[in-house]
Amino acid sequence: MPATIYGIEKFLGSSLIKGIGQKFVKRIVQQFGTDTIAVIEDDIGHLFEVEGIRKKRVQMVREN
């Protein structure tokens, strides 16, 4: 798993998660920094703290 903010943005922005483009990847990584991957793996509900992230997008992340 990537450990830098740049690496996390590239990893998540690589079309890995359908419905989550660069715009939302940047918002998510700005919110959680290098803890982004841990947040997604351990407590995905924190994604609701990111402006513009709604249930449908969180569901997409959860499924992918």
PDB file of N, CA and C in Angstrom:
ATOM      1  N   MET A   1       0.835  -1.185   0.000  1.00  0.00           N
ATOM      2  CA  MET A   1       0.000   0.000   0.000  1.00  0.00           C
ATOM      3  C   MET A   1       0.880   1.249   0.000  1.00  0.00           C
ATOM      4  N   PRO A   2       0.443   2.265  -0.703  1.00  0.00           N
ATOM      5  CA  PRO A   2       1.223   3.507  -0.736  1.00  0.00           C
ATOM      6  C   PRO A   2       1.225   4.191   0.629  1.00  0.00           C
ATOM      7  N   ALA A   3       2.329   4.860   0.935  1.00  0.00           N
ATOM      8  CA  ALA A   3       2.471   5.502   2.239  1.00  0.00           C
ATOM      9  C   ALA A   3       2.513   7.024   2.164  1.00  0.00           C
ATOM     10  N   THR A   4       2.666   7.570   0.968  1.00  0.00           N
ATOM     11  CA  THR A   4       2.724   9.027   0.830  1.00  0.00           C
ATOM     12  C   THR A   4       1.390   9.548   0.295  1.00  0.00           C
ATOM     13  N   ILE A   5       1.141  10.815   0.514  1.00  0.00           N
ATOM     14  CA  ILE A   5      -0.091  11.422   0.011  1.00  0.00           C
ATOM     15  C   ILE A   5      -0.145  11.309  -1.507  1.00  0.00           C
ATOM     16  N   TYR A   6       0.972  11.575  -2.158  1.00  0.00           N
ATOM     17  CA  TYR A   6       1.029  11.460  -3.619  1.00  0.00           C
ATOM     18  C   TYR A   6       0.702  10.025  -4.054  1.00  0.00           C
ATOM     19  N   GLY A   7       1.305   9.062  -3.402  1.00  0.00           N
ATOM     20  CA  GLY A   7       1.067   7.661  -3.738  1.00  0.00           C
ATOM     21  C   GLY A   7      -0.370   7.242  -3.502  1.00  0.00           C
ATOM     22  N   ILE A   8      -0.955   7.706  -2.415  1.00  0.00           N
ATOM     23  CA  ILE A   8      -2.352   7.381  -2.107  1.00  0.00           C
ATOM     24  C   ILE A   8      -3.274   7.979  -3.160  1.00  0.00           C
ATOM     25  N   GLU A   9      -3.016   9.225  -3.556  1.00  0.00           N
ATOM     26  CA  GLU A   9      -3.837   9.859  -4.596  1.00  0.00           C
ATOM     27  C   GLU A   9      -3.736   9.093  -5.909  1.00  0.00           C
ATOM     28  N   LYS A  10      -2.546   8.686  -6.280  1.00  0.00           N
ATOM     29  CA  LYS A  10      -2.359   7.931  -7.523  1.00  0.00           C
ATOM     30  C   LYS A  10      -3.044   6.567  -7.433  1.00  0.00           C
ATOM     31  N   PHE A  11      -2.902   5.912  -6.305  1.00  0.00           N
ATOM     32  CA  PHE A  11      -3.496   4.591  -6.092  1.00  0.00           C
ATOM     33  C   PHE A  11      -5.017   4.651  -6.185  1.00  0.00           C
ATOM     34  N   LEU A  12      -5.628   5.556  -5.443  1.00  0.00           N
ATOM     35  CA  LEU A  12      -7.091   5.656  -5.441  1.00  0.00           C
ATOM     36  C   LEU A  12      -7.628   6.251  -6.737  1.00  0.00           C
ATOM     37  N   GLY A  13      -6.851   7.102  -7.364  1.00  0.00           N
ATOM     38  CA  GLY A  13      -7.289   7.760  -8.585  1.00  0.00           C
ATOM     39  C   GLY A  13      -7.052   6.955  -9.849  1.00  0.00           C
ATOM     40  N   SER A  14      -6.564   5.746  -9.701  1.00  0.00           N
ATOM     41  CA  SER A  14      -6.226   4.925 -10.866  1.00  0.00           C
ATOM     42  C   SER A  14      -7.423   4.136 -11.382  1.00  0.00           C
ATOM     43  N   SER A  15      -8.606   4.686 -11.234  1.00  0.00           N
ATOM     44  CA  SER A  15      -9.848   4.014 -11.648  1.00  0.00           C
ATOM     45  C   SER A  15     -10.086   2.732 -10.873  1.00  0.00           C
ATOM     46  N   LEU A  16      -9.452   2.620  -9.729  1.00  0.00           N
ATOM     47  CA  LEU A  16      -9.618   1.463  -8.857  1.00  0.00           C
ATOM     48  C   LEU A  16     -11.047   1.391  -8.336  1.00  0.00           C
ATOM     49  N   ILE A  17     -11.611   2.548  -8.047  1.00  0.00           N
ATOM     50  CA  ILE A  17     -12.959   2.611  -7.487  1.00  0.00           C
ATOM     51  C   ILE A  17     -13.851   3.361  -8.463  1.00  0.00           C
ATOM     52  N   LYS A  18     -14.786   2.670  -9.055  1.00  0.00           N
ATOM     53  CA  LYS A  18     -15.709   3.302  -9.996  1.00  0.00           C
ATOM     54  C   LYS A  18     -16.559   4.331  -9.267  1.00  0.00           C
ATOM     55  N   GLY A  19     -16.729   5.496  -9.892  1.00  0.00           N
ATOM     56  CA  GLY A  19     -17.550   6.545  -9.307  1.00  0.00           C
ATOM     57  C   GLY A  19     -16.790   7.512  -8.428  1.00  0.00           C
ATOM     58  N   ILE A  20     -15.528   7.213  -8.161  1.00  0.00           N
ATOM     59  CA  ILE A  20     -14.697   8.099  -7.358  1.00  0.00           C
ATOM     60  C   ILE A  20     -13.567   8.596  -8.251  1.00  0.00           C
ATOM     61  N   GLY A  21     -13.729   9.804  -8.755  1.00  0.00           N
ATOM     62  CA  GLY A  21     -12.722  10.386  -9.641  1.00  0.00           C
ATOM     63  C   GLY A  21     -11.699  11.194  -8.876  1.00  0.00           C
ATOM     64  N   GLN A  22     -10.852  11.863  -9.628  1.00  0.00           N
ATOM     65  CA  GLN A  22      -9.775  12.656  -9.042  1.00  0.00           C
ATOM     66  C   GLN A  22     -10.278  13.709  -8.057  1.00  0.00           C
ATOM     67  N   LYS A  23     -11.407  14.320  -8.366  1.00  0.00           N
ATOM     68  CA  LYS A  23     -11.962  15.368  -7.504  1.00  0.00           C
ATOM     69  C   LYS A  23     -12.235  14.831  -6.097  1.00  0.00           C
ATOM     70  N   PHE A  24     -12.890  13.683  -6.033  1.00  0.00           N
ATOM     71  CA  PHE A  24     -13.215  13.124  -4.724  1.00  0.00           C
ATOM     72  C   PHE A  24     -12.000  12.492  -4.059  1.00  0.00           C
ATOM     73  N   VAL A  25     -11.113  11.924  -4.848  1.00  0.00           N
ATOM     74  CA  VAL A  25      -9.876  11.375  -4.284  1.00  0.00           C
ATOM     75  C   VAL A  25      -9.115  12.485  -3.569  1.00  0.00           C
ATOM     76  N   LYS A  26      -8.982  13.635  -4.206  1.00  0.00           N
ATOM     77  CA  LYS A  26      -8.268  14.759  -3.586  1.00  0.00           C
ATOM     78  C   LYS A  26      -8.946  15.197  -2.287  1.00  0.00           C
ATOM     79  N   ARG A  27     -10.262  15.271  -2.293  1.00  0.00           N
ATOM     80  CA  ARG A  27     -10.988  15.670  -1.076  1.00  0.00           C
ATOM     81  C   ARG A  27     -10.771  14.661   0.052  1.00  0.00           C
ATOM     82  N   ILE A  28     -10.846  13.387  -0.293  1.00  0.00           N
ATOM     83  CA  ILE A  28     -10.673  12.334   0.716  1.00  0.00           C
ATOM     84  C   ILE A  28      -9.268  12.395   1.301  1.00  0.00           C
ATOM     85  N   VAL A  29      -8.267  12.499   0.436  1.00  0.00           N
ATOM     86  CA  VAL A  29      -6.879  12.523   0.904  1.00  0.00           C
ATOM     87  C   VAL A  29      -6.581  13.814   1.665  1.00  0.00           C
ATOM     88  N   GLN A  30      -7.169  14.927   1.278  1.00  0.00           N
ATOM     89  CA  GLN A  30      -6.999  16.175   2.041  1.00  0.00           C
ATOM     90  C   GLN A  30      -7.547  16.008   3.453  1.00  0.00           C
ATOM     91  N   GLN A  31      -8.650  15.319   3.579  1.00  0.00           N
ATOM     92  CA  GLN A  31      -9.291  15.127   4.882  1.00  0.00           C
ATOM     93  C   GLN A  31      -8.477  14.204   5.793  1.00  0.00           C
ATOM     94  N   PHE A  32      -7.968  13.101   5.238  1.00  0.00           N
ATOM     95  CA  PHE A  32      -7.372  12.060   6.077  1.00  0.00           C
ATOM     96  C   PHE A  32      -5.865  11.883   5.911  1.00  0.00           C
ATOM     97  N   GLY A  33      -5.286  12.526   4.917  1.00  0.00           N
ATOM     98  CA  GLY A  33      -3.839  12.449   4.726  1.00  0.00           C
ATOM     99  C   GLY A  33      -3.345  11.025   4.566  1.00  0.00           C
ATOM    100  N   THR A  34      -2.224  10.730   5.226  1.00  0.00           N
ATOM    101  CA  THR A  34      -1.631   9.406   5.089  1.00  0.00           C
ATOM    102  C   THR A  34      -2.439   8.323   5.796  1.00  0.00           C
ATOM    103  N   ASP A  35      -3.467   8.699   6.524  1.00  0.00           N
ATOM    104  CA  ASP A  35      -4.358   7.720   7.167  1.00  0.00           C
ATOM    105  C   ASP A  35      -5.504   7.294   6.252  1.00  0.00           C
ATOM    106  N   THR A  36      -5.551   7.800   5.036  1.00  0.00           N
ATOM    107  CA  THR A  36      -6.671   7.550   4.126  1.00  0.00           C
ATOM    108  C   THR A  36      -6.955   6.066   3.936  1.00  0.00           C
ATOM    109  N   ILE A  37      -5.942   5.283   3.642  1.00  0.00           N
ATOM    110  CA  ILE A  37      -6.144   3.854   3.398  1.00  0.00           C
ATOM    111  C   ILE A  37      -6.686   3.180   4.658  1.00  0.00           C
ATOM    112  N   ALA A  38      -6.141   3.526   5.817  1.00  0.00           N
ATOM    113  CA  ALA A  38      -6.616   2.946   7.077  1.00  0.00           C
ATOM    114  C   ALA A  38      -8.074   3.307   7.324  1.00  0.00           C
ATOM    115  N   VAL A  39      -8.454   4.540   7.037  1.00  0.00           N
ATOM    116  CA  VAL A  39      -9.849   4.965   7.213  1.00  0.00           C
ATOM    117  C   VAL A  39     -10.762   4.132   6.323  1.00  0.00           C
ATOM    118  N   ILE A  40     -10.372   3.946   5.070  1.00  0.00           N
ATOM    119  CA  ILE A  40     -11.192   3.173   4.136  1.00  0.00           C
ATOM    120  C   ILE A  40     -11.302   1.722   4.590  1.00  0.00           C
ATOM    121  N   GLU A  41     -10.206   1.151   5.070  1.00  0.00           N
ATOM    122  CA  GLU A  41     -10.212  -0.252   5.479  1.00  0.00           C
ATOM    123  C   GLU A  41     -10.876  -0.473   6.830  1.00  0.00           C
ATOM    124  N   ASP A  42     -10.661   0.440   7.779  1.00  0.00           N
ATOM    125  CA  ASP A  42     -11.084   0.203   9.157  1.00  0.00           C
ATOM    126  C   ASP A  42     -12.419   0.823   9.548  1.00  0.00           C
ATOM    127  N   ASP A  43     -12.725   2.002   9.033  1.00  0.00           N
ATOM    128  CA  ASP A  43     -13.972   2.671   9.423  1.00  0.00           C
ATOM    129  C   ASP A  43     -14.444   3.575   8.295  1.00  0.00           C
ATOM    130  N   ILE A  44     -14.975   2.956   7.274  1.00  0.00           N
ATOM    131  CA  ILE A  44     -15.373   3.653   6.054  1.00  0.00           C
ATOM    132  C   ILE A  44     -16.423   4.740   6.310  1.00  0.00           C
ATOM    133  N   GLY A  45     -17.134   4.650   7.411  1.00  0.00           N
ATOM    134  CA  GLY A  45     -18.139   5.649   7.756  1.00  0.00           C
ATOM    135  C   GLY A  45     -17.562   7.051   7.901  1.00  0.00           C
ATOM    136  N   HIS A  46     -16.265   7.144   8.164  1.00  0.00           N
ATOM    137  CA  HIS A  46     -15.624   8.460   8.273  1.00  0.00           C
ATOM    138  C   HIS A  46     -15.627   9.209   6.944  1.00  0.00           C
ATOM    139  N   LEU A  47     -15.835   8.494   5.841  1.00  0.00           N
ATOM    140  CA  LEU A  47     -15.868   9.176   4.542  1.00  0.00           C
ATOM    141  C   LEU A  47     -16.996  10.201   4.475  1.00  0.00           C
ATOM    142  N   PHE A  48     -18.035  10.023   5.287  1.00  0.00           N
ATOM    143  CA  PHE A  48     -19.130  10.997   5.312  1.00  0.00           C
ATOM    144  C   PHE A  48     -18.664  12.362   5.817  1.00  0.00           C
ATOM    145  N   GLU A  49     -17.494  12.421   6.442  1.00  0.00           N
ATOM    146  CA  GLU A  49     -16.938  13.689   6.921  1.00  0.00           C
ATOM    147  C   GLU A  49     -16.411  14.545   5.768  1.00  0.00           C
ATOM    148  N   VAL A  50     -16.215  13.935   4.612  1.00  0.00           N
ATOM    149  CA  VAL A  50     -15.669  14.635   3.448  1.00  0.00           C
ATOM    150  C   VAL A  50     -16.803  15.343   2.712  1.00  0.00           C
ATOM    151  N   GLU A  51     -16.617  16.625   2.453  1.00  0.00           N
ATOM    152  CA  GLU A  51     -17.641  17.409   1.759  1.00  0.00           C
ATOM    153  C   GLU A  51     -17.978  16.790   0.402  1.00  0.00           C
ATOM    154  N   GLY A  52     -19.263  16.602   0.162  1.00  0.00           N
ATOM    155  CA  GLY A  52     -19.731  16.080  -1.119  1.00  0.00           C
ATOM    156  C   GLY A  52     -19.843  14.575  -1.191  1.00  0.00           C
ATOM    157  N   ILE A  53     -19.349  13.879  -0.188  1.00  0.00           N
ATOM    158  CA  ILE A  53     -19.433  12.416  -0.187  1.00  0.00           C
ATOM    159  C   ILE A  53     -20.767  12.023   0.428  1.00  0.00           C
ATOM    160  N   ARG A  54     -21.520  11.299  -0.342  1.00  0.00           N
ATOM    161  CA  ARG A  54     -22.834  10.839   0.101  1.00  0.00           C
ATOM    162  C   ARG A  54     -22.868   9.318   0.135  1.00  0.00           C
ATOM    163  N   LYS A  55     -24.000   8.791   0.526  1.00  0.00           N
ATOM    164  CA  LYS A  55     -24.153   7.352   0.725  1.00  0.00           C
ATOM    165  C   LYS A  55     -23.772   6.540  -0.513  1.00  0.00           C
ATOM    166  N   LYS A  56     -24.183   6.992  -1.688  1.00  0.00           N
ATOM    167  CA  LYS A  56     -23.909   6.242  -2.914  1.00  0.00           C
ATOM    168  C   LYS A  56     -22.400   6.098  -3.151  1.00  0.00           C
ATOM    169  N   ARG A  57     -21.651   7.163  -2.943  1.00  0.00           N
ATOM    170  CA  ARG A  57     -20.196   7.094  -3.162  1.00  0.00           C
ATOM    171  C   ARG A  57     -19.519   6.222  -2.110  1.00  0.00           C
ATOM    172  N   VAL A  58     -19.962   6.324  -0.879  1.00  0.00           N
ATOM    173  CA  VAL A  58     -19.395   5.464   0.167  1.00  0.00           C
ATOM    174  C   VAL A  58     -19.679   4.002  -0.172  1.00  0.00           C
ATOM    175  N   GLN A  59     -20.872   3.733  -0.673  1.00  0.00           N
ATOM    176  CA  GLN A  59     -21.229   2.375  -1.083  1.00  0.00           C
ATOM    177  C   GLN A  59     -20.294   1.888  -2.195  1.00  0.00           C
ATOM    178  N   MET A  60     -19.976   2.749  -3.148  1.00  0.00           N
ATOM    179  CA  MET A  60     -19.064   2.379  -4.237  1.00  0.00           C
ATOM    180  C   MET A  60     -17.682   2.021  -3.696  1.00  0.00           C
ATOM    181  N   VAL A  61     -17.204   2.810  -2.754  1.00  0.00           N
ATOM    182  CA  VAL A  61     -15.902   2.530  -2.149  1.00  0.00           C
ATOM    183  C   VAL A  61     -15.963   1.199  -1.412  1.00  0.00           C
ATOM    184  N   ARG A  62     -17.010   0.986  -0.663  1.00  0.00           N
ATOM    185  CA  ARG A  62     -17.170  -0.250   0.111  1.00  0.00           C
ATOM    186  C   ARG A  62     -17.170  -1.475  -0.804  1.00  0.00           C
ATOM    187  N   GLU A  63     -17.837  -1.373  -1.941  1.00  0.00           N
ATOM    188  CA  GLU A  63     -17.961  -2.504  -2.856  1.00  0.00           C
ATOM    189  C   GLU A  63     -16.680  -2.782  -3.631  1.00  0.00           C
ATOM    190  N   ASN A  64     -15.825  -1.795  -3.741  1.00  0.00           N
ATOM    191  CA  ASN A  64     -14.592  -1.977  -4.513  1.00  0.00           C
ATOM    192  C   ASN A  64     -13.426  -2.100  -3.584  1.00  0.00           C
TER     193      ASN A  64
END
